[in-house]
C-alpha atoms as a PDB file:
ATOM      1  CA  MET A   1     110.012  89.551 100.920  1.00  0.00           C
ATOM      2  CA  SER A   2     108.938  89.610 104.517  1.00  0.00           C
ATOM      3  CA  ARG A   3     107.471  86.494 106.180  1.00  0.00           C
ATOM      4  CA  PHE A   4     104.573  86.877 108.610  1.00  0.00           C
ATOM      5  CA  TYR A   5     103.409  84.235 111.033  1.00  0.00           C
ATOM      6  CA  PHE A   6     100.609  84.627 113.511  1.00  0.00           C
ATOM      7  CA  LEU A   7      99.277  82.818 116.573  1.00  0.00           C
ATOM      8  CA  VAL A   8      95.542  83.267 116.667  1.00  0.00           C
ATOM      9  CA  PRO A   9      94.032  81.610 119.762  1.00  0.00           C
ATOM     10  CA  PHE A  10      90.433  82.413 118.887  1.00  0.00           C
ATOM     11  CA  LEU A  11      90.273  80.375 115.693  1.00  0.00           C
ATOM     12  CA  VAL A  12      87.170  78.429 114.968  1.00  0.00           C
ATOM     13  CA  LEU A  13      87.475  75.804 112.234  1.00  0.00           C
ATOM     14  CA  PHE A  14      84.697  75.402 109.708  1.00  0.00           C
ATOM     15  CA  SER A  15      83.995  73.120 106.793  1.00  0.00           C
ATOM     16  CA  THR A  16      82.594  74.473 103.584  1.00  0.00           C
ATOM     17  CA  ASP A  17      79.304  74.904 105.377  1.00  0.00           C
ATOM     18  CA  ILE A  18      79.735  78.464 106.516  1.00  0.00           C
ATOM     19  CA  SER A  19      76.230  79.380 107.479  1.00  0.00           C
ATOM     20  CA  LEU A  20      76.443  81.909 110.315  1.00  0.00           C
ATOM     21  CA  GLN A  21      74.617  83.250 113.262  1.00  0.00           C
ATOM     22  CA  ALA A  22      74.657  86.938 114.032  1.00  0.00           C
ATOM     23  CA  GLU A  23      76.983  86.538 116.978  1.00  0.00           C
ATOM     24  CA  ASP A  24      79.680  84.950 114.727  1.00  0.00           C
ATOM     25  CA  VAL A  25      80.061  88.014 112.538  1.00  0.00           C
ATOM     26  CA  SER A  26      82.870  89.735 114.433  1.00  0.00           C
ATOM     27  CA  GLN A  27      85.268  86.790 114.387  1.00  0.00           C
ATOM     28  CA  PRO A  28      87.428  85.691 111.400  1.00  0.00           C
ATOM     29  CA  LEU A  29      86.499  82.211 110.213  1.00  0.00           C
ATOM     30  CA  ASP A  30      89.206  79.800 109.238  1.00  0.00           C
ATOM     31  CA  VAL A  31      87.500  77.721 106.555  1.00  0.00           C
ATOM     32  CA  ARG A  32      88.733  74.394 105.320  1.00  0.00           C
ATOM     33  CA  PHE A  33      87.651  72.839 102.050  1.00  0.00           C
ATOM     34  CA  THR A  34      88.520  69.923  99.822  1.00  0.00           C
ATOM     35  CA  ALA A  35      90.100  71.110  96.554  1.00  0.00           C
ATOM     36  CA  ARG A  36      88.405  69.716  93.461  1.00  0.00           C
ATOM     37  CA  ALA A  37      91.733  69.984  91.619  1.00  0.00           C
ATOM     38  CA  ASP A  38      93.512  67.217  93.575  1.00  0.00           C
ATOM     39  CA  GLY A  39      91.479  66.310  96.731  1.00  0.00           C
ATOM     40  CA  SER A  40      93.859  68.154  99.070  1.00  0.00           C
ATOM     41  CA  GLU A  41      92.693  70.134 102.089  1.00  0.00           C
ATOM     42  CA  GLN A  42      92.917  73.889 101.467  1.00  0.00           C
ATOM     43  CA  LYS A  43      92.089  76.922 103.587  1.00  0.00           C
ATOM     44  CA  TYR A  44      90.951  80.558 103.472  1.00  0.00           C
ATOM     45  CA  VAL A  45      89.906  83.065 106.119  1.00  0.00           C
ATOM     46  CA  LEU A  46      86.532  84.768 105.892  1.00  0.00           C
ATOM     47  CA  LEU A  47      85.681  87.984 107.723  1.00  0.00           C
ATOM     48  CA  LEU A  48      82.166  89.352 107.554  1.00  0.00           C
ATOM     49  CA  PRO A  49      81.518  93.095 108.073  1.00  0.00           C
ATOM     50  CA  PRO A  50      80.087  94.226 111.395  1.00  0.00           C
ATOM     51  CA  THR A  51      76.914  95.332 109.662  1.00  0.00           C
ATOM     52  CA  PHE A  52      76.526  91.959 107.812  1.00  0.00           C
ATOM     53  CA  GLU A  53      72.930  91.109 106.931  1.00  0.00           C
ATOM     54  CA  ALA A  54      72.275  87.749 105.229  1.00  0.00           C
ATOM     55  CA  THR A  55      69.196  89.141 103.561  1.00  0.00           C
ATOM     56  CA  ARG A  56      70.978  91.816 101.482  1.00  0.00           C
ATOM     57  CA  PRO A  57      73.858  91.814  98.950  1.00  0.00           C
ATOM     58  CA  HIS A  58      77.392  92.502  99.897  1.00  0.00           C
ATOM     59  CA  SER A  59      80.498  93.051  97.780  1.00  0.00           C
ATOM     60  CA  LEU A  60      83.551  90.844  98.230  1.00  0.00           C
ATOM     61  CA  MET A  61      87.208  91.823  98.591  1.00  0.00           C
ATOM     62  CA  ILE A  62      89.728  88.915  98.095  1.00  0.00           C
ATOM     63  CA  ALA A  63      93.229  89.679  99.437  1.00  0.00           C
ATOM     64  CA  LEU A  64      96.179  87.586  98.184  1.00  0.00           C
ATOM     65  CA  HIS A  65      99.192  87.277 100.464  1.00  0.00           C
ATOM     66  CA  GLY A  66     102.849  87.744  99.509  1.00  0.00           C
ATOM     67  CA  HIS A  67     105.623  85.176  99.069  1.00  0.00           C
ATOM     68  CA  GLY A  68     106.411  83.368 102.300  1.00  0.00           C
ATOM     69  CA  SER A  69     103.217  84.406 104.050  1.00  0.00           C
ATOM     70  CA  ASP A  70      99.822  82.717 104.256  1.00  0.00           C
ATOM     71  CA  ARG A  71      96.102  83.551 104.435  1.00  0.00           C
ATOM     72  CA  TRP A  72      96.570  85.411 107.786  1.00  0.00           C
ATOM     73  CA  GLN A  73      98.834  88.097 106.429  1.00  0.00           C
ATOM     74  CA  PHE A  74      96.058  90.356 105.112  1.00  0.00           C
ATOM     75  CA  ILE A  75      93.813  89.484 108.118  1.00  0.00           C
ATOM     76  CA  LYS A  76      96.236  90.364 110.966  1.00  0.00           C
ATOM     77  CA  SER A  77      99.414  92.014 109.738  1.00  0.00           C
ATOM     78  CA  PRO A  78      99.966  95.688 110.628  1.00  0.00           C
ATOM     79  CA  ARG A  79     101.823  96.121 107.289  1.00  0.00           C
ATOM     80  CA  ALA A  80     100.470  99.244 105.504  1.00  0.00           C
ATOM     81  CA  GLU A  81      98.974  97.362 102.541  1.00  0.00           C
ATOM     82  CA  CYS A  82      97.212  94.926 104.780  1.00  0.00           C
ATOM     83  CA  ALA A  83      95.801  97.527 107.205  1.00  0.00           C
ATOM     84  CA  ALA A  84      94.595  99.611 104.294  1.00  0.00           C
ATOM     85  CA  ALA A  85      92.783  96.660 102.711  1.00  0.00           C
ATOM     86  CA  ARG A  86      90.969  95.916 105.980  1.00  0.00           C
ATOM     87  CA  GLU A  87      90.056  99.601 106.438  1.00  0.00           C
ATOM     88  CA  VAL A  88      88.682 100.075 102.995  1.00  0.00           C
ATOM     89  CA  ALA A  89      86.802  96.717 103.070  1.00  0.00           C
ATOM     90  CA  ALA A  90      85.108  97.739 106.295  1.00  0.00           C
ATOM     91  CA  LYS A  91      84.253 101.221 104.944  1.00  0.00           C
ATOM     92  CA  TYR A  92      82.460  99.692 101.983  1.00  0.00           C
ATOM     93  CA  ASP A  93      80.718  96.986 104.106  1.00  0.00           C
ATOM     94  CA  MET A  94      82.439  94.239 102.191  1.00  0.00           C
ATOM     95  CA  ILE A  95      82.901  90.544 102.982  1.00  0.00           C
ATOM     96  CA  TYR A  96      86.631  90.147 103.258  1.00  0.00           C
ATOM     97  CA  LEU A  97      88.405  86.919 102.244  1.00  0.00           C
ATOM     98  CA  SER A  98      92.015  85.813 102.199  1.00  0.00           C
ATOM     99  CA  PRO A  99      92.966  82.397 100.749  1.00  0.00           C
ATOM    100  CA  ASP A 100      96.144  80.390 101.075  1.00  0.00           C
ATOM    101  CA  TYR A 101      95.717  79.926  97.312  1.00  0.00           C
ATOM    102  CA  ARG A 102      97.645  76.657  97.526  1.00  0.00           C
ATOM    103  CA  ALA A 103     101.003  77.632  99.090  1.00  0.00           C
ATOM    104  CA  THR A 104     103.122  80.277 100.734  1.00  0.00           C
ATOM    105  CA  THR A 105     104.994  80.342  97.431  1.00  0.00           C
ATOM    106  CA  SER A 106     102.068  79.962  95.027  1.00  0.00           C
ATOM    107  CA  TRP A 107     102.434  82.639  92.313  1.00  0.00           C
ATOM    108  CA  MET A 108      98.918  81.650  91.006  1.00  0.00           C
ATOM    109  CA  GLY A 109      99.707  78.427  89.215  1.00  0.00           C
ATOM    110  CA  PRO A 110      96.984  76.149  87.852  1.00  0.00           C
ATOM    111  CA  ASN A 111      96.098  74.591  91.147  1.00  0.00           C
ATOM    112  CA  ALA A 112      95.889  77.977  92.906  1.00  0.00           C
ATOM    113  CA  GLU A 113      93.723  79.261  90.084  1.00  0.00           C
ATOM    114  CA  ALA A 114      91.424  76.237  90.459  1.00  0.00           C
ATOM    115  CA  ASP A 115      91.218  76.773  94.230  1.00  0.00           C
ATOM    116  CA  LEU A 116      90.234  80.436  93.822  1.00  0.00           C
ATOM    117  CA  LEU A 117      87.611  79.531  91.242  1.00  0.00           C
ATOM    118  CA  GLN A 118      86.136  76.973  93.665  1.00  0.00           C
ATOM    119  CA  ILE A 119      86.240  79.466  96.611  1.00  0.00           C
ATOM    120  CA  LEU A 120      84.382  82.032  94.541  1.00  0.00           C
ATOM    121  CA  GLU A 121      81.772  79.489  93.541  1.00  0.00           C
ATOM    122  CA  GLU A 122      81.220  78.291  97.080  1.00  0.00           C
ATOM    123  CA  VAL A 123      81.139  81.776  98.702  1.00  0.00           C
ATOM    124  CA  LYS A 124      78.637  82.955  96.079  1.00  0.00           C
ATOM    125  CA  SER A 125      76.502  79.949  96.857  1.00  0.00           C
ATOM    126  CA  LYS A 126      76.338  80.981 100.531  1.00  0.00           C
ATOM    127  CA  TYR A 127      76.056  84.787 100.210  1.00  0.00           C
ATOM    128  CA  THR A 128      74.579  87.267  97.765  1.00  0.00           C
ATOM    129  CA  ILE A 129      77.729  88.778  96.237  1.00  0.00           C
ATOM    130  CA  ASP A 130      77.181  91.685  93.834  1.00  0.00           C
ATOM    131  CA  LYS A 131      80.804  92.837  93.099  1.00  0.00           C
ATOM    132  CA  THR A 132      84.160  91.248  93.559  1.00  0.00           C
ATOM    133  CA  ILE A 133      87.439  93.184  93.991  1.00  0.00           C
ATOM    134  CA  LEU A 134      90.649  91.227  93.844  1.00  0.00           C
ATOM    135  CA  MET A 135      93.802  92.637  95.371  1.00  0.00           C
ATOM    136  CA  GLY A 136      97.187  91.596  96.753  1.00  0.00           C
ATOM    137  CA  GLY A 137     100.761  92.606  97.498  1.00  0.00           C
ATOM    138  CA  SER A 138     103.991  91.419  95.898  1.00  0.00           C
ATOM    139  CA  MET A 139     103.380  87.764  94.886  1.00  0.00           C
ATOM    140  CA  GLY A 140      99.791  88.519  95.711  1.00  0.00           C
ATOM    141  CA  GLY A 141      99.755  91.606  93.476  1.00  0.00           C
ATOM    142  CA  SER A 142     101.230  89.559  90.658  1.00  0.00           C
ATOM    143  CA  SER A 143      98.693  86.858  91.231  1.00  0.00           C
ATOM    144  CA  ALA A 144      95.752  89.253  91.285  1.00  0.00           C
ATOM    145  CA  LEU A 145      96.836  90.468  87.813  1.00  0.00           C
ATOM    146  CA  THR A 146      97.271  86.894  86.637  1.00  0.00           C
ATOM    147  CA  PHE A 147      93.820  85.673  87.821  1.00  0.00           C
ATOM    148  CA  THR A 148      92.141  88.807  86.392  1.00  0.00           C
ATOM    149  CA  ALA A 149      93.838  88.242  83.032  1.00  0.00           C
ATOM    150  CA  LEU A 150      92.635  84.614  83.009  1.00  0.00           C
ATOM    151  CA  HIS A 151      89.096  85.308  84.322  1.00  0.00           C
ATOM    152  CA  PRO A 152      88.148  88.989  83.723  1.00  0.00           C
ATOM    153  CA  GLU A 153      84.443  88.134  83.768  1.00  0.00           C
ATOM    154  CA  LEU A 154      84.767  87.315  87.526  1.00  0.00           C
ATOM    155  CA  VAL A 155      86.565  90.419  88.637  1.00  0.00           C
ATOM    156  CA  GLN A 156      84.891  93.885  88.822  1.00  0.00           C
ATOM    157  CA  GLY A 157      87.986  95.669  90.182  1.00  0.00           C
ATOM    158  CA  VAL A 158      91.683  94.807  90.727  1.00  0.00           C
ATOM    159  CA  VAL A 159      94.449  96.359  92.849  1.00  0.00           C
ATOM    160  CA  ALA A 160      98.088  95.156  92.670  1.00  0.00           C
ATOM    161  CA  PHE A 161     100.652  96.439  95.148  1.00  0.00           C
ATOM    162  CA  ASN A 162     104.289  95.948  93.921  1.00  0.00           C
ATOM    163  CA  GLY A 163     103.607  93.050  91.559  1.00  0.00           C
ATOM    164  CA  THR A 164     104.907  91.827  88.226  1.00  0.00           C
ATOM    165  CA  ALA A 165     102.835  91.690  85.045  1.00  0.00           C
ATOM    166  CA  ASN A 166     105.341  89.676  83.053  1.00  0.00           C
ATOM    167  CA  HIS A 167     106.418  86.200  84.129  1.00  0.00           C
ATOM    168  CA  LEU A 168     108.443  85.572  81.039  1.00  0.00           C
ATOM    169  CA  GLU A 169     110.914  88.332  82.004  1.00  0.00           C
ATOM    170  CA  TYR A 170     110.681  87.969  85.778  1.00  0.00           C
ATOM    171  CA  GLU A 171     113.786  86.287  87.233  1.00  0.00           C
ATOM    172  CA  ARG A 172     113.315  86.043  90.950  1.00  0.00           C
ATOM    173  CA  PHE A 173     111.941  83.035  92.878  1.00  0.00           C
ATOM    174  CA  GLN A 174     112.112  80.811  89.774  1.00  0.00           C
ATOM    175  CA  GLU A 175     112.453  77.573  91.846  1.00  0.00           C
ATOM    176  CA  PHE A 176     109.012  78.268  93.362  1.00  0.00           C
ATOM    177  CA  ILE A 177     107.343  79.598  90.212  1.00  0.00           C
ATOM    178  CA  THR A 178     108.576  76.501  88.319  1.00  0.00           C
ATOM    179  CA  ALA A 179     106.987  74.230  90.944  1.00  0.00           C
ATOM    180  CA  SER A 180     103.725  76.203  90.848  1.00  0.00           C
ATOM    181  CA  TYR A 181     103.480  76.450  87.077  1.00  0.00           C
ATOM    182  CA  GLY A 182     104.619  72.866  86.342  1.00  0.00           C
ATOM    183  CA  GLY A 183     107.815  73.659  84.450  1.00  0.00           C
ATOM    184  CA  THR A 184     110.391  76.363  83.649  1.00  0.00           C
ATOM    185  CA  LYS A 185     109.708  79.262  81.278  1.00  0.00           C
ATOM    186  CA  VAL A 186     111.966  77.513  78.768  1.00  0.00           C
ATOM    187  CA  ASP A 187     109.898  74.298  78.948  1.00  0.00           C
ATOM    188  CA  ILE A 188     106.402  75.842  78.900  1.00  0.00           C
ATOM    189  CA  PRO A 189     106.701  79.447  77.754  1.00  0.00           C
ATOM    190  CA  GLU A 190     103.080  79.607  76.692  1.00  0.00           C
ATOM    191  CA  GLU A 191     101.956  78.872  80.237  1.00  0.00           C
ATOM    192  CA  TYR A 192     104.124  81.771  81.561  1.00  0.00           C
ATOM    193  CA  LYS A 193     102.647  84.021  78.848  1.00  0.00           C
ATOM    194  CA  ARG A 194      99.081  83.001  79.809  1.00  0.00           C
ATOM    195  CA  ARG A 195      99.798  84.094  83.337  1.00  0.00           C
ATOM    196  CA  SER A 196     101.416  87.387  82.380  1.00  0.00           C
ATOM    197  CA  ALA A 197      98.953  90.249  82.493  1.00  0.00           C
ATOM    198  CA  GLU A 198     101.096  92.452  80.285  1.00  0.00           C
ATOM    199  CA  TYR A 199     100.232  90.253  77.262  1.00  0.00           C
ATOM    200  CA  TRP A 200      96.443  90.702  77.754  1.00  0.00           C
ATOM    201  CA  PRO A 201      95.795  94.414  78.298  1.00  0.00           C
ATOM    202  CA  GLU A 202      92.493  94.297  76.469  1.00  0.00           C
ATOM    203  CA  ARG A 203      91.115  92.069  79.266  1.00  0.00           C
ATOM    204  CA  PHE A 204      91.489  94.809  81.882  1.00  0.00           C
ATOM    205  CA  THR A 205      88.241  96.618  81.211  1.00  0.00           C
ATOM    206  CA  MET A 206      87.449  96.937  84.934  1.00  0.00           C
ATOM    207  CA  PRO A 207      88.810  99.687  87.273  1.00  0.00           C
ATOM    208  CA  ILE A 208      92.451  98.789  87.981  1.00  0.00           C
ATOM    209  CA  ALA A 209      95.136 100.325  90.246  1.00  0.00           C
ATOM    210  CA  MET A 210      98.748  99.408  90.610  1.00  0.00           C
ATOM    211  CA  THR A 211     101.609 100.659  92.837  1.00  0.00           C
ATOM    212  CA  THR A 212     105.303 100.376  92.043  1.00  0.00           C
ATOM    213  CA  GLY A 213     108.610 101.464  93.510  1.00  0.00           C
ATOM    214  CA  GLY A 214     111.524 102.739  91.469  1.00  0.00           C
ATOM    215  CA  LYS A 215     114.052 101.003  93.696  1.00  0.00           C
ATOM    216  CA  ASP A 216     112.197  97.750  94.012  1.00  0.00           C
ATOM    217  CA  THR A 217     114.719  94.958  93.292  1.00  0.00           C
ATOM    218  CA  LEU A 218     112.481  92.059  94.430  1.00  0.00           C
ATOM    219  CA  VAL A 219     109.744  92.772  91.928  1.00  0.00           C
ATOM    220  CA  PRO A 220     110.959  95.483  89.492  1.00  0.00           C
ATOM    221  CA  PRO A 221     108.345  97.991  88.396  1.00  0.00           C
ATOM    222  CA  GLU A 222     108.816  98.058  84.656  1.00  0.00           C
ATOM    223  CA  SER A 223     106.204  95.461  83.568  1.00  0.00           C
ATOM    224  CA  CYS A 224     103.426  97.036  85.544  1.00  0.00           C
ATOM    225  CA  GLN A 225     104.426 100.461  84.228  1.00  0.00           C
ATOM    226  CA  ARG A 226     104.195  99.171  80.704  1.00  0.00           C
ATOM    227  CA  LEU A 227     100.849  97.464  81.456  1.00  0.00           C
ATOM    228  CA  ALA A 228      99.430 100.672  82.853  1.00  0.00           C
ATOM    229  CA  GLY A 229     100.571 102.629  79.851  1.00  0.00           C
ATOM    230  CA  ILE A 230      98.710 100.290  77.463  1.00  0.00           C
ATOM    231  CA  VAL A 231      95.583  99.843  79.623  1.00  0.00           C
ATOM    232  CA  LYS A 232      95.174 103.588  79.938  1.00  0.00           C
ATOM    233  CA  LYS A 233      94.773 103.824  76.153  1.00  0.00           C
ATOM    234  CA  LEU A 234      91.924 101.283  76.366  1.00  0.00           C
ATOM    235  CA  ASN A 235      90.404 101.969  79.770  1.00  0.00           C
ATOM    236  CA  PRO A 236      90.201 105.437  81.467  1.00  0.00           C
ATOM    237  CA  HIS A 237      89.720 103.736  84.894  1.00  0.00           C
ATOM    238  CA  CYS A 238      93.425 102.817  85.346  1.00  0.00           C
ATOM    239  CA  LEU A 239      95.698 104.256  88.025  1.00  0.00           C
ATOM    240  CA  LEU A 240      99.411 103.752  88.472  1.00  0.00           C
ATOM    241  CA  ILE A 241     101.020 105.155  91.648  1.00  0.00           C
ATOM    242  CA  HIS A 242     104.773 105.088  91.148  1.00  0.00           C
ATOM    243  CA  GLN A 243     107.217 106.198  93.793  1.00  0.00           C
ATOM    244  CA  PRO A 244     110.705 106.748  92.152  1.00  0.00           C
ATOM    245  CA  GLN A 245     112.447 106.357  95.495  1.00  0.00           C
ATOM    246  CA  GLY A 246     110.171 103.585  96.747  1.00  0.00           C
ATOM    247  CA  GLY A 247     111.188  99.978  97.364  1.00  0.00           C
ATOM    248  CA  HIS A 248     109.218  96.800  97.731  1.00  0.00           C
ATOM    249  CA  ALA A 249     106.401  98.221  99.829  1.00  0.00           C
ATOM    250  CA  THR A 250     103.441 100.566  99.428  1.00  0.00           C
ATOM    251  CA  ASN A 251     102.777 103.123 102.203  1.00  0.00           C
ATOM    252  CA  GLN A 252      99.403 103.564 103.877  1.00  0.00           C
ATOM    253  CA  GLU A 253      98.530 106.659 101.959  1.00  0.00           C
ATOM    254  CA  ASP A 254      99.183 105.192  98.528  1.00  0.00           C
ATOM    255  CA  SER A 255      97.584 101.850  99.540  1.00  0.00           C
ATOM    256  CA  ILE A 256      94.332 103.594 100.482  1.00  0.00           C
ATOM    257  CA  ALA A 257      94.470 105.783  97.394  1.00  0.00           C
ATOM    258  CA  ALA A 258      94.783 102.790  95.090  1.00  0.00           C
ATOM    259  CA  LEU A 259      91.944 100.895  96.830  1.00  0.00           C
ATOM    260  CA  GLU A 260      89.712 103.909  96.922  1.00  0.00           C
ATOM    261  CA  PHE A 261      90.290 104.574  93.232  1.00  0.00           C
ATOM    262  CA  VAL A 262      88.867 101.205  92.411  1.00  0.00           C
ATOM    263  CA  CYS A 263      86.164 101.068  95.101  1.00  0.00           C
ATOM    264  CA  GLN A 264      84.747 104.456  94.368  1.00  0.00           C
ATOM    265  CA  GLN A 265      84.117 103.326  90.804  1.00  0.00           C
ATOM    266  CA  VAL A 266      82.831  99.863  91.628  1.00  0.00           C
ATOM    267  CA  LEU A 267      80.974 100.313  94.870  1.00  0.00           C
ATOM    268  CA  LYS A 268      78.981 102.804  96.914  1.00  0.00           C
ATOM    269  CA  PRO A 269      80.097 103.563 100.460  1.00  0.00           C
ATOM    270  CA  VAL A 270      77.850 102.270 103.174  1.00  0.00           C
ATOM    271  CA  GLU A 271      77.153 105.822 104.371  1.00  0.00           C
ATOM    272  CA  SER A 272      75.744 106.870 101.036  1.00  0.00           C
ATOM    273  CA  SER A 273      73.733 103.710 100.374  1.00  0.00           C
ATOM    274  CA  ARG A 274      71.696 103.877 103.559  1.00  0.00           C
END
């Protein structure tokens, strides 16, 4: 998986007090907070839409980065999945948020889950959030599926680019997943099952889109294909975009199609709501 690092000279550091003036809206905010899970300092980036108005509701898109990257991947990277997420979030006038969710190698373990729950609570206390769409790529796509399976009541739409839905069968990056989950799949198989979306298809009642590549060897497509097959029997609002010759990436066209599939069912475009 590709690693992305960025130098961002215009960063302004904030505490969890993220009250804003109108002139701050155009700049991404690098927010620091103290994690309730263990007292450590954690971070996320918040980007308000150009048309942000504190007096009206906005929807929220949370973008989860891939293995080896950090919170800035979905904020700055030109990679197709990242550019598409920014474009669609702006079209729908959404607040756009990208967390570290604990580590560059997180895979949505218990501490990452706790951090994201805390972030959602704090952001909703500052802004009027009406809908939340959770998305990500690779490790982030896997983590979006995991978090949604664990907390479906908090997610109104989910998009997973090139993720896995089954951690019991997934074999790559086991050193990092073991550290994140607190043990190996042999030691704590129930924890791996809890975090495997494929075992909980009935929880995916919200619009969901997934993309997979037939030649993806980093995160093979089969688990998401199986999950989509089951969810479609329970939920008509399920889309799988599979590219038989595709690898571990989703192109711009498919990325936008997946995001639009979910957003069109969950949200109203700014143009039609005004």
